[in-house]
Amino acid sequence: MNTKKQNIPAKSDYFFINKNKLVLWISILVGGIILGIAINSYNTQEPVNNSVSEVFSFNTLAIAKQFSCSCGSCGEKELITCTCPTAVETKQYIEASLNKGLSAEDVTKIVKMSYGHYKG
């Protein structure tokens, strides 16, 4: 009878192999959690409204560019890019005034007197 000695790893070697796999899986898990948090925080940021030029006419935006937002809570952003309710209302007012036939100069004067924050 030919008995060969089987090459069975010692329990300490077996644990070491599993320990490396455990460290790998924990690293993958932690990395996934961090990635998920990063994606979630990115997705919950306020969306930027890039469609302003599609909503308002070129003439409205040309007038809005001369003003800062007058709401007082958005840090005086340019009216042309601000999307707060006051900025949208002001741009709607400009658009409606132009649609009524008022000239760009007249609308600019009215907005300057009504809303202020004229940049020039």
C-alpha atoms as a PDB file:
ATOM      1  CA  MET A   1       0.000   0.000   0.000  1.00  0.00           C
ATOM      2  CA  ASN A   2       1.412   3.224  -1.115  1.00  0.00           C
ATOM      3  CA  THR A   3       0.385   6.030   1.195  1.00  0.00           C
ATOM      4  CA  LYS A   4       1.046   9.469   0.021  1.00  0.00           C
ATOM      5  CA  LYS A   5       0.982  12.364   2.387  1.00  0.00           C
ATOM      6  CA  GLN A   6      -1.776  14.740   1.363  1.00  0.00           C
ATOM      7  CA  ASN A   7      -0.939  18.404   1.217  1.00  0.00           C
ATOM      8  CA  ILE A   8      -3.660  19.800   3.469  1.00  0.00           C
ATOM      9  CA  PRO A   9      -3.162  23.413   4.587  1.00  0.00           C
ATOM     10  CA  ALA A  10      -2.939  24.012   8.276  1.00  0.00           C
ATOM     11  CA  LYS A  11      -5.898  25.690   9.912  1.00  0.00           C
ATOM     12  CA  SER A  12      -3.900  28.893  10.386  1.00  0.00           C
ATOM     13  CA  ASP A  13      -3.156  29.011   6.617  1.00  0.00           C
ATOM     14  CA  TYR A  14      -6.795  28.380   5.829  1.00  0.00           C
ATOM     15  CA  PHE A  15      -7.887  31.210   8.137  1.00  0.00           C
ATOM     16  CA  PHE A  16      -5.310  33.551   6.568  1.00  0.00           C
ATOM     17  CA  ILE A  17      -6.724  32.930   3.114  1.00  0.00           C
ATOM     18  CA  ASN A  18     -10.259  33.590   4.324  1.00  0.00           C
ATOM     19  CA  LYS A  19      -9.072  36.644   6.228  1.00  0.00           C
ATOM     20  CA  ASN A  20      -7.741  38.157   2.979  1.00  0.00           C
ATOM     21  CA  LYS A  21     -11.035  37.447   1.257  1.00  0.00           C
ATOM     22  CA  LEU A  22     -12.878  38.991   4.187  1.00  0.00           C
ATOM     23  CA  VAL A  23     -10.747  42.141   3.976  1.00  0.00           C
ATOM     24  CA  LEU A  24     -11.415  42.300   0.236  1.00  0.00           C
ATOM     25  CA  TRP A  25     -15.177  41.980   0.682  1.00  0.00           C
ATOM     26  CA  ILE A  26     -15.244  44.555   3.471  1.00  0.00           C
ATOM     27  CA  SER A  27     -13.259  46.953   1.265  1.00  0.00           C
ATOM     28  CA  ILE A  28     -15.689  46.437  -1.604  1.00  0.00           C
ATOM     29  CA  LEU A  29     -18.656  46.965   0.731  1.00  0.00           C
ATOM     30  CA  VAL A  30     -17.232  50.154   2.263  1.00  0.00           C
ATOM     31  CA  GLY A  31     -16.296  51.473  -1.178  1.00  0.00           C
ATOM     32  CA  GLY A  32     -19.814  50.805  -2.427  1.00  0.00           C
ATOM     33  CA  ILE A  33     -21.343  52.607   0.541  1.00  0.00           C
ATOM     34  CA  ILE A  34     -19.089  55.616  -0.012  1.00  0.00           C
ATOM     35  CA  LEU A  35     -19.913  55.629  -3.722  1.00  0.00           C
ATOM     36  CA  GLY A  36     -23.631  55.386  -2.968  1.00  0.00           C
ATOM     37  CA  ILE A  37     -23.471  58.309  -0.552  1.00  0.00           C
ATOM     38  CA  ALA A  38     -21.552  60.382  -3.095  1.00  0.00           C
ATOM     39  CA  ILE A  39     -24.061  59.628  -5.859  1.00  0.00           C
ATOM     40  CA  ASN A  40     -27.002  60.341  -3.562  1.00  0.00           C
ATOM     41  CA  SER A  41     -25.600  63.705  -2.466  1.00  0.00           C
ATOM     42  CA  TYR A  42     -24.874  64.609  -6.091  1.00  0.00           C
ATOM     43  CA  ASN A  43     -28.421  63.733  -7.153  1.00  0.00           C
ATOM     44  CA  THR A  44     -30.018  65.754  -4.328  1.00  0.00           C
ATOM     45  CA  GLN A  45     -28.325  69.011  -5.325  1.00  0.00           C
ATOM     46  CA  GLU A  46     -30.590  71.697  -6.713  1.00  0.00           C
ATOM     47  CA  PRO A  47     -30.917  71.164 -10.440  1.00  0.00           C
ATOM     48  CA  VAL A  48     -29.562  73.859 -12.680  1.00  0.00           C
ATOM     49  CA  ASN A  49     -32.126  75.259 -15.065  1.00  0.00           C
ATOM     50  CA  ASN A  50     -30.368  75.342 -18.425  1.00  0.00           C
ATOM     51  CA  SER A  51     -33.582  75.807 -20.341  1.00  0.00           C
ATOM     52  CA  VAL A  52     -33.992  79.513 -19.543  1.00  0.00           C
ATOM     53  CA  SER A  53     -33.318  80.483 -23.164  1.00  0.00           C
ATOM     54  CA  GLU A  54     -36.071  78.090 -24.292  1.00  0.00           C
ATOM     55  CA  VAL A  55     -38.649  79.552 -21.927  1.00  0.00           C
ATOM     56  CA  PHE A  56     -38.057  83.268 -22.558  1.00  0.00           C
ATOM     57  CA  SER A  57     -37.412  85.173 -25.755  1.00  0.00           C
ATOM     58  CA  PHE A  58     -34.029  86.537 -26.720  1.00  0.00           C
ATOM     59  CA  ASN A  59     -35.261  90.108 -26.080  1.00  0.00           C
ATOM     60  CA  THR A  60     -36.455  89.180 -22.589  1.00  0.00           C
ATOM     61  CA  LEU A  61     -33.087  87.636 -21.765  1.00  0.00           C
ATOM     62  CA  ALA A  62     -31.249  90.666 -23.169  1.00  0.00           C
ATOM     63  CA  ILE A  63     -33.164  92.895 -20.750  1.00  0.00           C
ATOM     64  CA  ALA A  64     -32.853  90.421 -17.842  1.00  0.00           C
ATOM     65  CA  LYS A  65     -29.085  90.377 -18.315  1.00  0.00           C
ATOM     66  CA  GLN A  66     -28.988  94.013 -17.208  1.00  0.00           C
ATOM     67  CA  PHE A  67     -30.413  93.205 -13.750  1.00  0.00           C
ATOM     68  CA  SER A  68     -29.607  91.237 -10.621  1.00  0.00           C
ATOM     69  CA  CYS A  69     -32.292  89.228  -8.860  1.00  0.00           C
ATOM     70  CA  SER A  70     -34.223  91.394  -6.414  1.00  0.00           C
ATOM     71  CA  CYS A  71     -35.450  88.720  -3.984  1.00  0.00           C
ATOM     72  CA  GLY A  72     -32.584  89.265  -1.553  1.00  0.00           C
ATOM     73  CA  SER A  73     -32.127  85.590  -0.724  1.00  0.00           C
ATOM     74  CA  CYS A  74     -30.138  84.286  -3.695  1.00  0.00           C
ATOM     75  CA  GLY A  75     -27.085  86.470  -3.294  1.00  0.00           C
ATOM     76  CA  GLU A  76     -28.013  88.854  -6.110  1.00  0.00           C
ATOM     77  CA  LYS A  77     -27.484  86.329  -8.880  1.00  0.00           C
ATOM     78  CA  GLU A  78     -27.829  87.609 -12.397  1.00  0.00           C
ATOM     79  CA  LEU A  79     -31.514  87.762 -13.257  1.00  0.00           C
ATOM     80  CA  ILE A  80     -30.859  85.951 -16.526  1.00  0.00           C
ATOM     81  CA  THR A  81     -29.586  82.805 -14.732  1.00  0.00           C
ATOM     82  CA  CYS A  82     -31.511  82.906 -11.437  1.00  0.00           C
ATOM     83  CA  THR A  83     -34.456  80.497 -11.177  1.00  0.00           C
ATOM     84  CA  CYS A  84     -36.013  81.629  -7.881  1.00  0.00           C
ATOM     85  CA  PRO A  85     -39.719  82.582  -7.964  1.00  0.00           C
ATOM     86  CA  THR A  86     -38.953  86.331  -7.925  1.00  0.00           C
ATOM     87  CA  ALA A  87     -36.582  86.019 -10.892  1.00  0.00           C
ATOM     88  CA  VAL A  88     -39.082  83.952 -12.874  1.00  0.00           C
ATOM     89  CA  GLU A  89     -41.840  86.463 -12.076  1.00  0.00           C
ATOM     90  CA  THR A  90     -39.623  89.361 -13.200  1.00  0.00           C
ATOM     91  CA  LYS A  91     -38.740  87.604 -16.470  1.00  0.00           C
ATOM     92  CA  GLN A  92     -42.411  86.780 -17.060  1.00  0.00           C
ATOM     93  CA  TYR A  93     -43.242  90.448 -16.511  1.00  0.00           C
ATOM     94  CA  ILE A  94     -40.553  91.482 -19.017  1.00  0.00           C
ATOM     95  CA  GLU A  95     -41.847  88.950 -21.547  1.00  0.00           C
ATOM     96  CA  ALA A  96     -45.463  90.062 -21.126  1.00  0.00           C
ATOM     97  CA  SER A  97     -44.510  93.737 -21.459  1.00  0.00           C
ATOM     98  CA  LEU A  98     -42.607  93.058 -24.664  1.00  0.00           C
ATOM     99  CA  ASN A  99     -45.543  91.021 -26.007  1.00  0.00           C
ATOM    100  CA  LYS A 100     -47.831  94.009 -25.334  1.00  0.00           C
ATOM    101  CA  GLY A 101     -45.687  96.031 -27.724  1.00  0.00           C
ATOM    102  CA  LEU A 102     -43.562  98.065 -25.304  1.00  0.00           C
ATOM    103  CA  SER A 103     -40.051  98.810 -26.486  1.00  0.00           C
ATOM    104  CA  ALA A 104     -37.020  97.237 -24.840  1.00  0.00           C
ATOM    105  CA  GLU A 105     -35.999 100.680 -23.519  1.00  0.00           C
ATOM    106  CA  ASP A 106     -39.413 101.264 -21.950  1.00  0.00           C
ATOM    107  CA  VAL A 107     -39.471  97.820 -20.363  1.00  0.00           C
ATOM    108  CA  THR A 108     -35.962  98.343 -18.979  1.00  0.00           C
ATOM    109  CA  LYS A 109     -37.050 101.646 -17.395  1.00  0.00           C
ATOM    110  CA  ILE A 110     -40.185 100.072 -15.895  1.00  0.00           C
ATOM    111  CA  VAL A 111     -38.283  97.088 -14.488  1.00  0.00           C
ATOM    112  CA  LYS A 112     -35.623  99.427 -13.092  1.00  0.00           C
ATOM    113  CA  MET A 113     -38.303 101.465 -11.277  1.00  0.00           C
ATOM    114  CA  SER A 114     -40.412  98.459 -10.198  1.00  0.00           C
ATOM    115  CA  TYR A 115     -37.809  95.880  -9.236  1.00  0.00           C
ATOM    116  CA  GLY A 116     -34.507  97.782  -8.997  1.00  0.00           C
ATOM    117  CA  HIS A 117     -31.144  96.012  -9.022  1.00  0.00           C
ATOM    118  CA  TYR A 118     -30.127  97.536 -12.344  1.00  0.00           C
ATOM    119  CA  LYS A 119     -26.535  96.672 -13.290  1.00  0.00           C
ATOM    120  CA  GLY A 120     -26.338  98.845 -16.378  1.00  0.00           C
END
